[in-house]
Amino acid sequence: MAEENAQNGAQQATGPQFSVQRIYLKDVSLEAPGTPAIFTSAWKPEINLDLNTRTRTLGENHYEVILTLTVTAKNDGNNAFLIEIQQAGIFQIAGLADAELNHTLGAFCPNILFPYARESVDSLATKASFPALMLAPVNFDALYAQQMQQKAAQPAESEPQAH
């Protein structure tokens, strides 16, 4: 029985491993160039959200993933505010094939970071006296799949065609 438990423990140690080591706010910026005049008009904002992720290897099995959210709000054609958040995390990941590792870093980790970035955006907006934005959830799996399709199509487009 003890021998069987030791074998199971050895199998688990060599299997895939994932843990969140740290989640932190790496950079934050708020600009509200239209204040105070923007507060005198009815609030009917046009919101634009840009997302970006970056990954870097920190050491063996340790990765930093940075999710950047850039939120631009315009009201009646005037810039109300610009908020940029870099929400980052350090993740320990081991035992995954390259494709699985890339998917984890490109979709799973940003999915973990997004709620923190969303809360920071809302907090900054309300501290600047604007209503909270309540950003909708993001499907990072779909964004990652779209990015992979675009990468797969690029070499075919860049190759010269034979006539």
N, C-alpha and C. Protein backbone atom coordinates (compact mmCIF):
# COMPACT_ATOMS: atom_id res chain seq x y z
N MET A 1 0.82 -1.19 0.00
CA MET A 1 0.00 0.00 0.00
C MET A 1 0.87 1.25 0.00
N ALA A 2 1.88 1.30 0.86
CA ALA A 2 2.78 2.46 0.92
C ALA A 2 3.54 2.58 -0.39
N GLU A 3 3.92 1.44 -0.96
CA GLU A 3 4.65 1.45 -2.23
C GLU A 3 3.77 2.00 -3.35
N GLU A 4 2.50 1.64 -3.35
CA GLU A 4 1.54 2.12 -4.35
C GLU A 4 1.36 3.64 -4.22
N ASN A 5 1.26 4.16 -3.00
CA ASN A 5 1.14 5.60 -2.78
C ASN A 5 2.38 6.33 -3.24
N ALA A 6 3.55 5.76 -3.03
CA ALA A 6 4.81 6.38 -3.47
C ALA A 6 4.85 6.45 -4.99
N GLN A 7 4.38 5.41 -5.69
CA GLN A 7 4.35 5.43 -7.15
C GLN A 7 3.37 6.48 -7.66
N ASN A 8 2.21 6.59 -7.04
CA ASN A 8 1.24 7.62 -7.44
C ASN A 8 1.80 9.01 -7.23
N GLY A 9 2.52 9.22 -6.12
CA GLY A 9 3.14 10.52 -5.85
C GLY A 9 4.19 10.85 -6.88
N ALA A 10 4.97 9.87 -7.31
CA ALA A 10 5.99 10.09 -8.32
C ALA A 10 5.35 10.43 -9.65
N GLN A 11 4.24 9.78 -10.00
CA GLN A 11 3.55 10.08 -11.25
C GLN A 11 2.97 11.49 -11.22
N GLN A 12 2.43 11.91 -10.08
CA GLN A 12 1.86 13.25 -9.98
C GLN A 12 2.94 14.32 -10.08
N ALA A 13 4.12 14.06 -9.51
CA ALA A 13 5.20 15.04 -9.54
C ALA A 13 5.72 15.26 -10.96
N THR A 14 5.63 14.24 -11.81
CA THR A 14 6.14 14.39 -13.18
C THR A 14 5.06 14.84 -14.15
N GLY A 15 3.82 14.94 -13.73
CA GLY A 15 2.73 15.39 -14.59
C GLY A 15 2.74 16.91 -14.72
N PRO A 16 1.76 17.44 -15.44
CA PRO A 16 1.67 18.88 -15.60
C PRO A 16 1.50 19.59 -14.26
N GLN A 17 2.17 20.73 -14.13
CA GLN A 17 2.09 21.52 -12.91
C GLN A 17 1.81 22.97 -13.28
N PHE A 18 0.92 23.61 -12.51
CA PHE A 18 0.58 25.01 -12.72
C PHE A 18 0.33 25.65 -11.37
N SER A 19 0.94 26.80 -11.14
CA SER A 19 0.62 27.56 -9.93
C SER A 19 0.84 29.04 -10.18
N VAL A 20 0.01 29.83 -9.52
CA VAL A 20 0.15 31.29 -9.57
C VAL A 20 1.10 31.67 -8.45
N GLN A 21 2.21 32.29 -8.80
CA GLN A 21 3.19 32.70 -7.80
C GLN A 21 2.88 34.09 -7.26
N ARG A 22 2.44 34.99 -8.15
CA ARG A 22 2.17 36.37 -7.74
C ARG A 22 1.34 37.06 -8.81
N ILE A 23 0.41 37.92 -8.39
CA ILE A 23 -0.35 38.77 -9.30
C ILE A 23 -0.14 40.20 -8.83
N TYR A 24 0.21 41.08 -9.76
CA TYR A 24 0.55 42.45 -9.36
C TYR A 24 0.24 43.44 -10.47
N LEU A 25 0.07 44.69 -10.07
CA LEU A 25 -0.13 45.79 -10.99
C LEU A 25 1.24 46.31 -11.37
N LYS A 26 1.60 46.17 -12.64
CA LYS A 26 2.94 46.55 -13.10
C LYS A 26 3.02 48.02 -13.49
N ASP A 27 1.96 48.52 -14.13
CA ASP A 27 1.95 49.92 -14.56
C ASP A 27 0.51 50.38 -14.67
N VAL A 28 0.27 51.65 -14.37
CA VAL A 28 -1.07 52.19 -14.46
C VAL A 28 -0.98 53.66 -14.86
N SER A 29 -1.92 54.07 -15.70
CA SER A 29 -1.95 55.45 -16.16
C SER A 29 -3.39 55.89 -16.33
N LEU A 30 -3.68 57.11 -15.89
CA LEU A 30 -4.99 57.71 -16.07
C LEU A 30 -4.78 59.13 -16.57
N GLU A 31 -5.42 59.44 -17.67
CA GLU A 31 -5.42 60.80 -18.19
C GLU A 31 -6.87 61.21 -18.39
N ALA A 32 -7.20 62.39 -17.91
CA ALA A 32 -8.55 62.92 -18.08
C ALA A 32 -8.44 64.35 -18.62
N PRO A 33 -8.09 64.49 -19.90
CA PRO A 33 -7.80 65.82 -20.46
C PRO A 33 -9.02 66.73 -20.57
N GLY A 34 -10.21 66.15 -20.61
CA GLY A 34 -11.41 66.96 -20.79
C GLY A 34 -12.01 67.49 -19.52
N THR A 35 -11.40 67.19 -18.37
CA THR A 35 -11.97 67.66 -17.11
C THR A 35 -11.57 69.11 -16.89
N PRO A 36 -12.35 69.89 -16.25
CA PRO A 36 -13.66 69.63 -15.68
C PRO A 36 -14.81 69.82 -16.67
N ALA A 37 -14.53 70.36 -17.87
CA ALA A 37 -15.61 70.68 -18.82
C ALA A 37 -16.44 69.45 -19.19
N ILE A 38 -15.83 68.27 -19.22
CA ILE A 38 -16.53 67.05 -19.63
C ILE A 38 -17.68 66.72 -18.68
N PHE A 39 -17.59 67.19 -17.42
CA PHE A 39 -18.62 66.89 -16.43
C PHE A 39 -19.90 67.72 -16.62
N THR A 40 -19.85 68.72 -17.50
CA THR A 40 -21.02 69.58 -17.69
C THR A 40 -21.94 69.09 -18.80
N SER A 41 -21.55 68.04 -19.50
CA SER A 41 -22.41 67.49 -20.56
C SER A 41 -22.97 66.14 -20.13
N ALA A 42 -24.06 65.72 -20.80
CA ALA A 42 -24.67 64.42 -20.51
C ALA A 42 -23.65 63.31 -20.79
N TRP A 43 -23.64 62.30 -19.96
CA TRP A 43 -22.66 61.21 -20.08
C TRP A 43 -23.20 60.12 -20.99
N LYS A 44 -22.76 60.13 -22.24
CA LYS A 44 -23.09 59.10 -23.22
C LYS A 44 -21.78 58.69 -23.89
N PRO A 45 -20.98 57.94 -23.18
CA PRO A 45 -19.62 57.68 -23.66
C PRO A 45 -19.53 56.67 -24.81
N GLU A 46 -18.51 56.86 -25.61
CA GLU A 46 -18.08 55.86 -26.59
C GLU A 46 -16.82 55.25 -25.99
N ILE A 47 -16.88 53.96 -25.70
CA ILE A 47 -15.77 53.28 -25.03
C ILE A 47 -15.04 52.40 -26.04
N ASN A 48 -13.73 52.50 -26.04
CA ASN A 48 -12.89 51.65 -26.88
C ASN A 48 -11.93 50.89 -25.97
N LEU A 49 -11.88 49.57 -26.11
CA LEU A 49 -11.00 48.73 -25.31
C LEU A 49 -10.01 48.02 -26.22
N ASP A 50 -8.73 48.17 -25.93
CA ASP A 50 -7.68 47.45 -26.62
C ASP A 50 -7.01 46.52 -25.62
N LEU A 51 -6.77 45.28 -26.05
CA LEU A 51 -6.13 44.26 -25.21
C LEU A 51 -4.82 43.84 -25.85
N ASN A 52 -3.86 43.54 -25.01
CA ASN A 52 -2.59 43.02 -25.49
C ASN A 52 -1.98 42.16 -24.39
N THR A 53 -1.27 41.12 -24.78
CA THR A 53 -0.56 40.30 -23.80
C THR A 53 0.89 40.13 -24.24
N ARG A 54 1.76 40.03 -23.25
CA ARG A 54 3.17 39.74 -23.48
C ARG A 54 3.59 38.68 -22.47
N THR A 55 4.53 37.87 -22.86
CA THR A 55 5.05 36.83 -21.98
C THR A 55 6.56 36.84 -22.05
N ARG A 56 7.17 36.63 -20.92
CA ARG A 56 8.62 36.44 -20.91
C ARG A 56 8.98 35.36 -19.90
N THR A 57 10.05 34.66 -20.22
CA THR A 57 10.53 33.60 -19.36
C THR A 57 11.41 34.22 -18.28
N LEU A 58 11.14 33.88 -17.04
CA LEU A 58 11.92 34.41 -15.92
C LEU A 58 13.01 33.44 -15.47
N GLY A 59 12.80 32.21 -15.70
CA GLY A 59 13.72 31.17 -15.28
C GLY A 59 13.07 29.85 -15.59
N GLU A 60 13.69 28.79 -15.14
CA GLU A 60 13.14 27.47 -15.43
C GLU A 60 11.73 27.35 -14.87
N ASN A 61 10.78 27.13 -15.77
CA ASN A 61 9.37 26.91 -15.42
C ASN A 61 8.67 28.12 -14.81
N HIS A 62 9.25 29.31 -14.86
CA HIS A 62 8.63 30.52 -14.34
C HIS A 62 8.45 31.53 -15.48
N TYR A 63 7.24 32.07 -15.57
CA TYR A 63 6.91 32.98 -16.66
C TYR A 63 6.17 34.19 -16.11
N GLU A 64 6.46 35.35 -16.70
CA GLU A 64 5.70 36.55 -16.40
C GLU A 64 4.76 36.78 -17.58
N VAL A 65 3.49 36.97 -17.28
CA VAL A 65 2.49 37.30 -18.28
C VAL A 65 1.96 38.68 -17.94
N ILE A 66 1.95 39.57 -18.95
CA ILE A 66 1.48 40.93 -18.74
C ILE A 66 0.28 41.15 -19.64
N LEU A 67 -0.84 41.48 -19.03
CA LEU A 67 -2.06 41.81 -19.75
C LEU A 67 -2.20 43.33 -19.73
N THR A 68 -2.23 43.95 -20.91
CA THR A 68 -2.38 45.40 -21.01
C THR A 68 -3.78 45.72 -21.51
N LEU A 69 -4.50 46.53 -20.75
CA LEU A 69 -5.81 47.04 -21.15
C LEU A 69 -5.67 48.54 -21.37
N THR A 70 -6.10 49.00 -22.52
CA THR A 70 -6.14 50.43 -22.79
C THR A 70 -7.59 50.79 -23.07
N VAL A 71 -8.15 51.64 -22.21
CA VAL A 71 -9.56 52.02 -22.32
C VAL A 71 -9.60 53.52 -22.64
N THR A 72 -10.25 53.84 -23.75
CA THR A 72 -10.42 55.22 -24.16
C THR A 72 -11.91 55.54 -24.14
N ALA A 73 -12.27 56.64 -23.48
CA ALA A 73 -13.66 57.07 -23.41
C ALA A 73 -13.78 58.46 -24.03
N LYS A 74 -14.72 58.56 -24.96
CA LYS A 74 -15.03 59.86 -25.56
C LYS A 74 -16.49 60.16 -25.27
N ASN A 75 -16.76 61.43 -25.05
CA ASN A 75 -18.13 61.87 -24.79
C ASN A 75 -18.39 63.08 -25.69
N ASP A 76 -19.40 62.98 -26.54
CA ASP A 76 -19.71 64.04 -27.51
C ASP A 76 -18.48 64.38 -28.34
N GLY A 77 -17.69 63.38 -28.70
CA GLY A 77 -16.51 63.59 -29.53
C GLY A 77 -15.29 64.10 -28.79
N ASN A 78 -15.44 64.41 -27.52
CA ASN A 78 -14.31 64.91 -26.72
C ASN A 78 -13.71 63.78 -25.90
N ASN A 79 -12.38 63.81 -25.75
CA ASN A 79 -11.71 62.80 -24.94
C ASN A 79 -12.08 63.00 -23.48
N ALA A 80 -12.73 62.00 -22.89
CA ALA A 80 -13.08 62.06 -21.48
C ALA A 80 -11.93 61.54 -20.63
N PHE A 81 -11.49 60.31 -20.95
CA PHE A 81 -10.35 59.76 -20.22
C PHE A 81 -9.69 58.64 -21.01
N LEU A 82 -8.46 58.36 -20.60
CA LEU A 82 -7.68 57.24 -21.13
C LEU A 82 -7.09 56.54 -19.92
N ILE A 83 -7.37 55.26 -19.80
CA ILE A 83 -6.82 54.45 -18.71
C ILE A 83 -6.02 53.32 -19.34
N GLU A 84 -4.79 53.16 -18.87
CA GLU A 84 -3.98 52.02 -19.32
C GLU A 84 -3.49 51.28 -18.09
N ILE A 85 -3.73 49.98 -18.09
CA ILE A 85 -3.37 49.11 -16.98
C ILE A 85 -2.47 47.99 -17.52
N GLN A 86 -1.38 47.72 -16.83
CA GLN A 86 -0.59 46.52 -17.10
C GLN A 86 -0.70 45.64 -15.87
N GLN A 87 -1.56 44.64 -15.97
CA GLN A 87 -1.76 43.67 -14.89
C GLN A 87 -0.86 42.49 -15.20
N ALA A 88 -0.04 42.10 -14.26
CA ALA A 88 0.93 41.05 -14.52
C ALA A 88 0.82 39.93 -13.49
N GLY A 89 1.39 38.82 -13.85
CA GLY A 89 1.44 37.69 -12.95
C GLY A 89 2.66 36.84 -13.23
N ILE A 90 3.13 36.18 -12.19
CA ILE A 90 4.21 35.22 -12.34
C ILE A 90 3.59 33.85 -12.13
N PHE A 91 3.82 33.00 -13.11
CA PHE A 91 3.22 31.66 -13.11
C PHE A 91 4.32 30.62 -13.18
N GLN A 92 4.16 29.56 -12.41
CA GLN A 92 5.06 28.42 -12.49
C GLN A 92 4.33 27.34 -13.28
N ILE A 93 4.92 26.95 -14.40
CA ILE A 93 4.28 25.98 -15.28
C ILE A 93 5.33 24.95 -15.69
N ALA A 94 5.00 23.69 -15.54
CA ALA A 94 5.93 22.62 -15.90
C ALA A 94 5.14 21.44 -16.44
N GLY A 95 5.83 20.62 -17.24
CA GLY A 95 5.24 19.37 -17.69
C GLY A 95 4.25 19.50 -18.83
N LEU A 96 4.26 20.62 -19.57
CA LEU A 96 3.36 20.80 -20.70
C LEU A 96 4.14 20.77 -22.01
N ALA A 97 3.51 20.23 -23.04
CA ALA A 97 4.10 20.29 -24.38
C ALA A 97 4.08 21.75 -24.83
N ASP A 98 4.88 22.08 -25.85
CA ASP A 98 5.00 23.47 -26.31
C ASP A 98 3.65 24.08 -26.67
N ALA A 99 2.81 23.35 -27.40
CA ALA A 99 1.51 23.89 -27.80
C ALA A 99 0.63 24.17 -26.58
N GLU A 100 0.66 23.26 -25.61
CA GLU A 100 -0.13 23.46 -24.39
C GLU A 100 0.41 24.63 -23.57
N LEU A 101 1.73 24.75 -23.51
CA LEU A 101 2.36 25.85 -22.78
C LEU A 101 1.99 27.19 -23.42
N ASN A 102 2.07 27.26 -24.76
CA ASN A 102 1.72 28.50 -25.46
C ASN A 102 0.26 28.87 -25.22
N HIS A 103 -0.63 27.88 -25.25
CA HIS A 103 -2.05 28.15 -24.99
C HIS A 103 -2.26 28.62 -23.55
N THR A 104 -1.58 28.00 -22.61
CA THR A 104 -1.71 28.38 -21.20
C THR A 104 -1.25 29.82 -21.00
N LEU A 105 -0.10 30.17 -21.60
CA LEU A 105 0.44 31.53 -21.45
C LEU A 105 -0.38 32.56 -22.24
N GLY A 106 -0.94 32.14 -23.37
CA GLY A 106 -1.66 33.07 -24.23
C GLY A 106 -3.13 33.23 -23.94
N ALA A 107 -3.74 32.27 -23.23
CA ALA A 107 -5.18 32.35 -22.98
C ALA A 107 -5.53 32.14 -21.50
N PHE A 108 -5.01 31.07 -20.92
CA PHE A 108 -5.40 30.73 -19.55
C PHE A 108 -4.90 31.78 -18.54
N CYS A 109 -3.62 32.15 -18.63
CA CYS A 109 -3.06 33.14 -17.69
C CYS A 109 -3.72 34.51 -17.85
N PRO A 110 -3.90 35.04 -19.09
CA PRO A 110 -4.61 36.32 -19.21
C PRO A 110 -6.04 36.26 -18.65
N ASN A 111 -6.68 35.11 -18.76
CA ASN A 111 -8.01 34.94 -18.20
C ASN A 111 -8.00 35.08 -16.67
N ILE A 112 -6.94 34.64 -16.04
CA ILE A 112 -6.78 34.80 -14.59
C ILE A 112 -6.54 36.27 -14.24
N LEU A 113 -5.76 36.97 -15.07
CA LEU A 113 -5.39 38.36 -14.79
C LEU A 113 -6.52 39.35 -15.06
N PHE A 114 -7.41 39.04 -15.99
CA PHE A 114 -8.42 40.01 -16.44
C PHE A 114 -9.29 40.57 -15.31
N PRO A 115 -9.83 39.77 -14.41
CA PRO A 115 -10.67 40.35 -13.35
C PRO A 115 -9.93 41.40 -12.51
N TYR A 116 -8.65 41.20 -12.28
CA TYR A 116 -7.86 42.17 -11.52
C TYR A 116 -7.72 43.47 -12.31
N ALA A 117 -7.43 43.35 -13.60
CA ALA A 117 -7.29 44.54 -14.45
C ALA A 117 -8.63 45.26 -14.57
N ARG A 118 -9.69 44.50 -14.71
CA ARG A 118 -11.03 45.09 -14.81
C ARG A 118 -11.37 45.90 -13.57
N GLU A 119 -11.08 45.36 -12.40
CA GLU A 119 -11.35 46.06 -11.15
C GLU A 119 -10.50 47.34 -11.07
N SER A 120 -9.27 47.29 -11.51
CA SER A 120 -8.40 48.48 -11.47
C SER A 120 -8.92 49.57 -12.39
N VAL A 121 -9.40 49.18 -13.58
CA VAL A 121 -9.97 50.15 -14.51
C VAL A 121 -11.19 50.81 -13.88
N ASP A 122 -12.09 50.02 -13.32
CA ASP A 122 -13.28 50.58 -12.67
C ASP A 122 -12.91 51.51 -11.52
N SER A 123 -11.96 51.10 -10.72
CA SER A 123 -11.53 51.90 -9.58
C SER A 123 -10.97 53.25 -10.03
N LEU A 124 -10.13 53.24 -11.06
CA LEU A 124 -9.56 54.49 -11.55
C LEU A 124 -10.63 55.40 -12.15
N ALA A 125 -11.55 54.81 -12.90
CA ALA A 125 -12.62 55.61 -13.51
C ALA A 125 -13.45 56.29 -12.42
N THR A 126 -13.81 55.55 -11.38
CA THR A 126 -14.63 56.15 -10.33
C THR A 126 -13.84 57.17 -9.50
N LYS A 127 -12.55 56.94 -9.31
CA LYS A 127 -11.73 57.92 -8.58
C LYS A 127 -11.59 59.22 -9.37
N ALA A 128 -11.72 59.13 -10.70
CA ALA A 128 -11.67 60.33 -11.54
C ALA A 128 -13.07 60.93 -11.70
N SER A 129 -14.04 60.41 -10.98
CA SER A 129 -15.43 60.90 -10.95
C SER A 129 -16.24 60.52 -12.18
N PHE A 130 -15.85 59.42 -12.83
CA PHE A 130 -16.62 58.87 -13.93
C PHE A 130 -17.33 57.61 -13.44
N PRO A 131 -18.41 57.21 -14.10
CA PRO A 131 -19.07 55.96 -13.70
C PRO A 131 -18.17 54.74 -13.97
N ALA A 132 -18.34 53.71 -13.16
CA ALA A 132 -17.61 52.45 -13.39
C ALA A 132 -17.99 51.91 -14.76
N LEU A 133 -17.04 51.28 -15.43
CA LEU A 133 -17.27 50.81 -16.79
C LEU A 133 -17.88 49.41 -16.86
N MET A 134 -17.61 48.59 -15.87
CA MET A 134 -18.10 47.21 -15.87
C MET A 134 -17.78 46.52 -17.20
N LEU A 135 -16.50 46.43 -17.51
CA LEU A 135 -16.07 45.80 -18.76
C LEU A 135 -16.61 44.37 -18.84
N ALA A 136 -17.07 44.01 -20.01
CA ALA A 136 -17.61 42.67 -20.23
C ALA A 136 -16.48 41.63 -20.18
N PRO A 137 -16.79 40.41 -19.80
CA PRO A 137 -15.78 39.35 -19.82
C PRO A 137 -15.20 39.18 -21.23
N VAL A 138 -13.98 38.69 -21.29
CA VAL A 138 -13.29 38.49 -22.56
C VAL A 138 -13.02 37.00 -22.73
N ASN A 139 -13.25 36.49 -23.94
CA ASN A 139 -12.97 35.09 -24.25
C ASN A 139 -11.54 35.00 -24.78
N PHE A 140 -10.59 34.80 -23.89
CA PHE A 140 -9.19 34.74 -24.28
C PHE A 140 -8.87 33.50 -25.11
N ASP A 141 -9.64 32.43 -24.93
CA ASP A 141 -9.44 31.24 -25.77
C ASP A 141 -9.75 31.56 -27.22
N ALA A 142 -10.83 32.29 -27.47
CA ALA A 142 -11.19 32.67 -28.84
C ALA A 142 -10.17 33.64 -29.43
N LEU A 143 -9.70 34.59 -28.62
CA LEU A 143 -8.67 35.53 -29.10
C LEU A 143 -7.37 34.80 -29.43
N TYR A 144 -7.01 33.83 -28.59
CA TYR A 144 -5.79 33.05 -28.85
C TYR A 144 -5.94 32.23 -30.13
N ALA A 145 -7.10 31.60 -30.32
CA ALA A 145 -7.34 30.81 -31.53
C ALA A 145 -7.27 31.70 -32.77
N GLN A 146 -7.84 32.89 -32.68
CA GLN A 146 -7.80 33.84 -33.80
C GLN A 146 -6.36 34.25 -34.10
N GLN A 147 -5.58 34.50 -33.07
CA GLN A 147 -4.18 34.86 -33.25
C GLN A 147 -3.40 33.73 -33.92
N MET A 148 -3.66 32.49 -33.52
CA MET A 148 -2.98 31.34 -34.11
C MET A 148 -3.37 31.18 -35.58
N GLN A 149 -4.63 31.43 -35.92
CA GLN A 149 -5.07 31.37 -37.32
C GLN A 149 -4.37 32.44 -38.15
N GLN A 150 -4.22 33.63 -37.59
CA GLN A 150 -3.54 34.71 -38.31
C GLN A 150 -2.07 34.38 -38.53
N LYS A 151 -1.42 33.80 -37.51
CA LYS A 151 -0.01 33.41 -37.65
C LYS A 151 0.14 32.31 -38.70
N ALA A 152 -0.79 31.37 -38.73
CA ALA A 152 -0.73 30.28 -39.70
C ALA A 152 -0.94 30.81 -41.12
N ALA A 153 -1.74 31.84 -41.29
CA ALA A 153 -2.03 32.39 -42.61
C ALA A 153 -0.90 33.30 -43.11
N GLN A 154 -0.12 33.89 -42.23
CA GLN A 154 0.92 34.83 -42.63
C GLN A 154 1.99 34.22 -43.55
N PRO A 155 2.56 33.05 -43.23
CA PRO A 155 3.59 32.51 -44.13
C PRO A 155 3.04 32.24 -45.54
N ALA A 156 1.80 31.80 -45.62
CA ALA A 156 1.21 31.52 -46.93
C ALA A 156 1.04 32.80 -47.73
N GLU A 157 0.72 33.90 -47.06
CA GLU A 157 0.54 35.17 -47.75
C GLU A 157 1.87 35.76 -48.17
N SER A 158 2.93 35.52 -47.40
CA SER A 158 4.21 36.14 -47.70
C SER A 158 5.03 35.37 -48.73
N GLU A 159 4.66 34.09 -48.99
CA GLU A 159 5.39 33.31 -49.99
C GLU A 159 5.03 33.77 -51.38
N PRO A 160 6.04 33.90 -52.26
CA PRO A 160 5.72 34.27 -53.65
C PRO A 160 4.91 33.16 -54.33
N GLN A 161 3.97 33.55 -55.11
CA GLN A 161 3.14 32.57 -55.81
C GLN A 161 3.76 32.23 -57.16
N ALA A 162 3.76 30.96 -57.48
CA ALA A 162 4.28 30.51 -58.77
C ALA A 162 3.19 30.69 -59.83
N HIS A 163 3.61 31.13 -61.01
CA HIS A 163 2.65 31.32 -62.09
C HIS A 163 2.86 30.27 -63.15
